[in-house]
C-alpha atoms as a PDB file:
ATOM      1  CA  MET A   1       0.000   0.000   0.000  1.00  0.00           C
ATOM      2  CA  SER A   2       1.266   3.468  -0.824  1.00  0.00           C
ATOM      3  CA  ARG A   3       2.532   5.509   2.114  1.00  0.00           C
ATOM      4  CA  ALA A   4       0.300   8.356   0.900  1.00  0.00           C
ATOM      5  CA  PHE A   5      -2.722   6.376   2.089  1.00  0.00           C
ATOM      6  CA  VAL A   6      -1.396   5.552   5.546  1.00  0.00           C
ATOM      7  CA  LYS A   7       0.028   8.876   6.685  1.00  0.00           C
ATOM      8  CA  GLY A   8      -2.004  11.209   8.787  1.00  0.00           C
ATOM      9  CA  ALA A   9      -3.050  14.559   7.357  1.00  0.00           C
ATOM     10  CA  ASP A  10      -0.727  16.452   9.694  1.00  0.00           C
ATOM     11  CA  GLU A  11       2.410  14.398   8.915  1.00  0.00           C
ATOM     12  CA  GLU A  12       5.248  15.697   6.745  1.00  0.00           C
ATOM     13  CA  PRO A  13       5.418  14.342   3.207  1.00  0.00           C
ATOM     14  CA  ASP A  14       8.128  11.744   2.681  1.00  0.00           C
ATOM     15  CA  ASP A  15      11.333  13.746   2.459  1.00  0.00           C
ATOM     16  CA  ASP A  16      13.462  10.909   1.140  1.00  0.00           C
ATOM     17  CA  LEU A  17      14.649  12.113  -2.231  1.00  0.00           C
ATOM     18  CA  PRO A  18      16.818   9.714  -4.155  1.00  0.00           C
ATOM     19  CA  GLU A  19      20.462  10.710  -3.904  1.00  0.00           C
ATOM     20  CA  ARG A  20      22.247  11.805  -7.048  1.00  0.00           C
ATOM     21  CA  PRO A  21      24.489   8.913  -8.080  1.00  0.00           C
ATOM     22  CA  LEU A  22      28.229   9.461  -7.769  1.00  0.00           C
ATOM     23  CA  SER A  23      30.431   8.333 -10.624  1.00  0.00           C
ATOM     24  CA  PRO A  24      32.690   5.334 -10.031  1.00  0.00           C
ATOM     25  CA  HIS A  25      35.469   7.070 -12.028  1.00  0.00           C
ATOM     26  CA  PRO A  26      38.227   9.213 -10.525  1.00  0.00           C
ATOM     27  CA  ASN A  27      37.008  12.808 -10.348  1.00  0.00           C
ATOM     28  CA  TYR A  28      39.586  14.548 -12.537  1.00  0.00           C
ATOM     29  CA  VAL A  29      38.894  18.250 -13.002  1.00  0.00           C
ATOM     30  CA  THR A  30      40.459  21.087 -14.926  1.00  0.00           C
ATOM     31  CA  PRO A  31      41.164  24.304 -13.034  1.00  0.00           C
ATOM     32  CA  ALA A  32      38.012  25.767 -14.626  1.00  0.00           C
ATOM     33  CA  GLY A  33      36.016  22.677 -13.627  1.00  0.00           C
ATOM     34  CA  HIS A  34      37.267  22.977 -10.048  1.00  0.00           C
ATOM     35  CA  ALA A  35      36.188  26.630  -9.961  1.00  0.00           C
ATOM     36  CA  GLN A  36      32.758  25.635 -11.334  1.00  0.00           C
ATOM     37  CA  LEU A  37      32.328  23.045  -8.563  1.00  0.00           C
ATOM     38  CA  GLN A  38      33.319  25.617  -5.916  1.00  0.00           C
ATOM     39  CA  ALA A  39      30.838  28.134  -7.336  1.00  0.00           C
ATOM     40  CA  ARG A  40      28.064  25.532  -7.458  1.00  0.00           C
ATOM     41  CA  VAL A  41      28.634  24.562  -3.800  1.00  0.00           C
ATOM     42  CA  HIS A  42      28.651  28.239  -2.807  1.00  0.00           C
ATOM     43  CA  ASP A  43      25.395  28.933  -4.697  1.00  0.00           C
ATOM     44  CA  LEU A  44      23.711  25.888  -3.130  1.00  0.00           C
ATOM     45  CA  GLN A  45      24.847  26.923   0.358  1.00  0.00           C
ATOM     46  CA  GLN A  46      23.298  30.352  -0.186  1.00  0.00           C
ATOM     47  CA  ALA A  47      20.066  28.799  -1.497  1.00  0.00           C
ATOM     48  CA  ARG A  48      19.964  26.468   1.526  1.00  0.00           C
ATOM     49  CA  ASP A  49      20.365  29.386   3.932  1.00  0.00           C
ATOM     50  CA  ARG A  50      17.701  31.437   2.131  1.00  0.00           C
ATOM     51  CA  LEU A  51      15.197  28.559   1.993  1.00  0.00           C
ATOM     52  CA  SER A  52      15.829  27.577   5.634  1.00  0.00           C
ATOM     53  CA  ALA A  53      14.362  30.936   6.665  1.00  0.00           C
ATOM     54  CA  GLU A  54      11.059  30.101   4.923  1.00  0.00           C
ATOM     55  CA  GLU A  55      10.015  27.358   7.379  1.00  0.00           C
ATOM     56  CA  ASP A  56       6.257  27.853   6.956  1.00  0.00           C
ATOM     57  CA  ASP A  57       6.181  27.543   3.169  1.00  0.00           C
ATOM     58  CA  PRO A  58       5.653  23.914   2.049  1.00  0.00           C
ATOM     59  CA  LEU A  59       7.060  24.657  -1.422  1.00  0.00           C
ATOM     60  CA  ALA A  60      10.181  26.149   0.147  1.00  0.00           C
ATOM     61  CA  LYS A  61      10.527  23.030   2.324  1.00  0.00           C
ATOM     62  CA  GLN A  62      10.415  20.785  -0.749  1.00  0.00           C
ATOM     63  CA  LYS A  63      12.914  22.983  -2.590  1.00  0.00           C
ATOM     64  CA  LEU A  64      15.141  22.966   0.519  1.00  0.00           C
ATOM     65  CA  ARG A  65      15.234  19.160   0.470  1.00  0.00           C
ATOM     66  CA  GLU A  66      16.282  19.248  -3.187  1.00  0.00           C
ATOM     67  CA  VAL A  67      18.935  21.886  -2.518  1.00  0.00           C
ATOM     68  CA  LYS A  68      20.341  19.903   0.426  1.00  0.00           C
ATOM     69  CA  ARG A  69      20.519  16.761  -1.720  1.00  0.00           C
ATOM     70  CA  ASP A  70      22.295  18.643  -4.527  1.00  0.00           C
ATOM     71  CA  LEU A  71      24.628  20.253  -1.996  1.00  0.00           C
ATOM     72  CA  ARG A  72      25.602  16.806  -0.665  1.00  0.00           C
ATOM     73  CA  TYR A  73      26.337  15.668  -4.225  1.00  0.00           C
ATOM     74  CA  PHE A  74      28.382  18.696  -5.301  1.00  0.00           C
ATOM     75  CA  GLN A  75      30.247  18.851  -1.991  1.00  0.00           C
ATOM     76  CA  ALA A  76      31.216  15.186  -2.443  1.00  0.00           C
ATOM     77  CA  ARG A  77      32.346  15.943  -5.998  1.00  0.00           C
ATOM     78  CA  LEU A  78      34.382  18.906  -4.773  1.00  0.00           C
ATOM     79  CA  ASP A  79      35.893  16.853  -1.937  1.00  0.00           C
ATOM     80  CA  SER A  80      36.915  14.088  -4.367  1.00  0.00           C
ATOM     81  CA  ALA A  81      38.192  16.440  -7.092  1.00  0.00           C
ATOM     82  CA  ILE A  82      41.643  15.693  -8.490  1.00  0.00           C
ATOM     83  CA  ARG A  83      42.953  18.838 -10.174  1.00  0.00           C
ATOM     84  CA  VAL A  84      44.929  18.064 -13.311  1.00  0.00           C
ATOM     85  CA  ASN A  85      47.482  20.557 -14.540  1.00  0.00           C
ATOM     86  CA  GLY A  86      47.330  20.616 -18.336  1.00  0.00           C
ATOM     87  CA  ALA A  87      50.821  22.131 -18.446  1.00  0.00           C
ATOM     88  CA  ALA A  88      52.221  18.844 -17.107  1.00  0.00           C
ATOM     89  CA  GLN A  89      50.648  16.721 -19.872  1.00  0.00           C
ATOM     90  CA  PRO A  90      52.747  15.446 -22.818  1.00  0.00           C
ATOM     91  CA  ARG A  91      52.248  17.837 -25.726  1.00  0.00           C
ATOM     92  CA  ASP A  92      52.255  15.189 -28.442  1.00  0.00           C
ATOM     93  CA  GLU A  93      49.452  12.986 -27.070  1.00  0.00           C
ATOM     94  CA  VAL A  94      45.827  13.462 -26.119  1.00  0.00           C
ATOM     95  CA  HIS A  95      45.338  13.351 -22.361  1.00  0.00           C
ATOM     96  CA  PHE A  96      43.047  14.964 -19.827  1.00  0.00           C
ATOM     97  CA  GLY A  97      42.778  18.717 -20.392  1.00  0.00           C
ATOM     98  CA  ALA A  98      43.682  18.601 -24.089  1.00  0.00           C
ATOM     99  CA  VAL A  99      41.879  20.587 -26.739  1.00  0.00           C
ATOM    100  CA  VAL A 100      41.748  18.297 -29.751  1.00  0.00           C
ATOM    101  CA  ALA A 101      40.907  19.297 -33.322  1.00  0.00           C
ATOM    102  CA  VAL A 102      39.613  16.438 -35.425  1.00  0.00           C
ATOM    103  CA  GLY A 103      38.759  15.964 -39.048  1.00  0.00           C
ATOM    104  CA  CYS A 104      35.439  14.208 -39.588  1.00  0.00           C
ATOM    105  CA  GLU A 105      34.506  11.765 -42.354  1.00  0.00           C
ATOM    106  CA  ASP A 106      32.245  14.415 -43.896  1.00  0.00           C
ATOM    107  CA  GLY A 107      35.193  16.820 -44.267  1.00  0.00           C
ATOM    108  CA  GLN A 108      34.226  19.064 -41.363  1.00  0.00           C
ATOM    109  CA  ARG A 109      36.632  19.961 -38.608  1.00  0.00           C
ATOM    110  CA  ARG A 110      35.531  19.932 -34.975  1.00  0.00           C
ATOM    111  CA  GLU A 111      37.236  20.752 -31.712  1.00  0.00           C
ATOM    112  CA  PHE A 112      36.762  18.971 -28.393  1.00  0.00           C
ATOM    113  CA  SER A 113      38.127  19.697 -24.926  1.00  0.00           C
ATOM    114  CA  ILE A 114      38.743  16.640 -22.726  1.00  0.00           C
ATOM    115  CA  VAL A 115      37.382  17.619 -19.304  1.00  0.00           C
ATOM    116  CA  GLY A 116      35.935  16.163 -16.089  1.00  0.00           C
ATOM    117  CA  GLU A 117      32.491  14.609 -15.914  1.00  0.00           C
ATOM    118  CA  ASP A 118      30.874  17.565 -14.137  1.00  0.00           C
ATOM    119  CA  GLU A 119      32.369  20.044 -16.601  1.00  0.00           C
ATOM    120  CA  ALA A 120      31.266  18.206 -19.746  1.00  0.00           C
ATOM    121  CA  ASP A 121      28.988  20.145 -22.094  1.00  0.00           C
ATOM    122  CA  VAL A 122      28.670  18.649 -25.557  1.00  0.00           C
ATOM    123  CA  VAL A 123      27.092  21.808 -27.003  1.00  0.00           C
ATOM    124  CA  SER A 124      30.255  23.781 -26.202  1.00  0.00           C
ATOM    125  CA  GLY A 125      32.568  20.951 -27.285  1.00  0.00           C
ATOM    126  CA  LYS A 126      33.567  19.844 -23.771  1.00  0.00           C
ATOM    127  CA  ILE A 127      33.514  16.063 -23.449  1.00  0.00           C
ATOM    128  CA  SER A 128      34.176  13.907 -20.427  1.00  0.00           C
ATOM    129  CA  TRP A 129      37.390  11.928 -20.381  1.00  0.00           C
ATOM    130  CA  ALA A 130      35.225   8.925 -19.403  1.00  0.00           C
ATOM    131  CA  SER A 131      32.861   9.275 -22.390  1.00  0.00           C
ATOM    132  CA  PRO A 132      33.213   6.910 -25.370  1.00  0.00           C
ATOM    133  CA  LEU A 133      34.723   9.697 -27.491  1.00  0.00           C
ATOM    134  CA  GLY A 134      37.035  10.858 -24.702  1.00  0.00           C
ATOM    135  CA  LYS A 135      38.243   7.311 -24.072  1.00  0.00           C
ATOM    136  CA  SER A 136      38.851   6.720 -27.781  1.00  0.00           C
ATOM    137  CA  MET A 137      41.035   9.838 -28.040  1.00  0.00           C
ATOM    138  CA  ILE A 138      43.177   9.371 -24.902  1.00  0.00           C
ATOM    139  CA  GLY A 139      46.716   8.426 -25.913  1.00  0.00           C
ATOM    140  CA  SER A 140      46.245   9.401 -29.578  1.00  0.00           C
ATOM    141  CA  LYS A 141      48.690  11.546 -31.531  1.00  0.00           C
ATOM    142  CA  VAL A 142      48.333  13.929 -34.467  1.00  0.00           C
ATOM    143  CA  GLY A 143      47.610  11.868 -37.574  1.00  0.00           C
ATOM    144  CA  ASP A 144      45.983   8.988 -35.670  1.00  0.00           C
ATOM    145  CA  THR A 145      42.471   7.912 -36.550  1.00  0.00           C
ATOM    146  CA  VAL A 146      40.068   7.063 -33.746  1.00  0.00           C
ATOM    147  CA  VAL A 147      36.677   5.395 -33.913  1.00  0.00           C
ATOM    148  CA  TRP A 148      33.839   7.176 -32.152  1.00  0.00           C
ATOM    149  CA  GLN A 149      31.170   4.690 -31.086  1.00  0.00           C
ATOM    150  CA  ARG A 150      27.933   6.682 -31.345  1.00  0.00           C
ATOM    151  CA  PRO A 151      24.316   5.570 -31.068  1.00  0.00           C
ATOM    152  CA  ALA A 152      23.938   6.494 -34.744  1.00  0.00           C
ATOM    153  CA  GLY A 153      26.900   4.277 -35.641  1.00  0.00           C
ATOM    154  CA  GLU A 154      30.662   4.421 -35.789  1.00  0.00           C
ATOM    155  CA  THR A 155      32.443   7.505 -37.086  1.00  0.00           C
ATOM    156  CA  GLU A 156      36.146   7.805 -37.810  1.00  0.00           C
ATOM    157  CA  LEU A 157      37.921  10.971 -36.709  1.00  0.00           C
ATOM    158  CA  GLU A 158      41.477  11.997 -37.575  1.00  0.00           C
ATOM    159  CA  ILE A 159      43.429  13.831 -34.881  1.00  0.00           C
ATOM    160  CA  VAL A 160      44.514  17.091 -36.565  1.00  0.00           C
ATOM    161  CA  SER A 161      45.983  19.035 -33.633  1.00  0.00           C
ATOM    162  CA  ILE A 162      46.463  18.825 -29.883  1.00  0.00           C
ATOM    163  CA  ARG A 163      46.975  21.743 -27.523  1.00  0.00           C
ATOM    164  CA  TYR A 164      46.752  22.328 -23.805  1.00  0.00           C
ATOM    165  CA  PRO A 165      45.387  25.593 -22.438  1.00  0.00           C
ATOM    166  CA  GLU A 166      47.405  27.326 -19.752  1.00  0.00           C
ATOM    167  CA  SER A 167      46.416  26.200 -16.258  1.00  0.00           C
ATOM    168  CA  ARG A 168      45.673  28.707 -13.533  1.00  0.00           C
END
């Protein structure tokens, strides 16, 4: 029987939100990714403090539970972050932090940055090192061809250039 039918009218709704799953992979981050995690934790702490003051508002209570859950997740990600200095990476191979230009089968050229999982944003060309494309590029050199396993099928990409942005 659903708990909704056995609770009294004056009882709090079930505040057990499912936790956000943590990745089993090492939490490598670029300096920018580390700063993003710090900013996210700071913003969530401020939201928690603001919502905590609205004790009588049931919607604020629900939002507070969500914010606390997200804060636990992002704090754990920040605590487990392993900052990777791109300046220490070998310049002739693709590794974490690299910006990789590739030539596609259709003749187009695309650029991808190999970043941490929390920093990944495909629209802006930032891919996780643990993604299929990221994994296929790691260890490659200029002139190598890698196979990108996509849902739409395999695509071959030629590594055209590799660079590492300056770390801060």
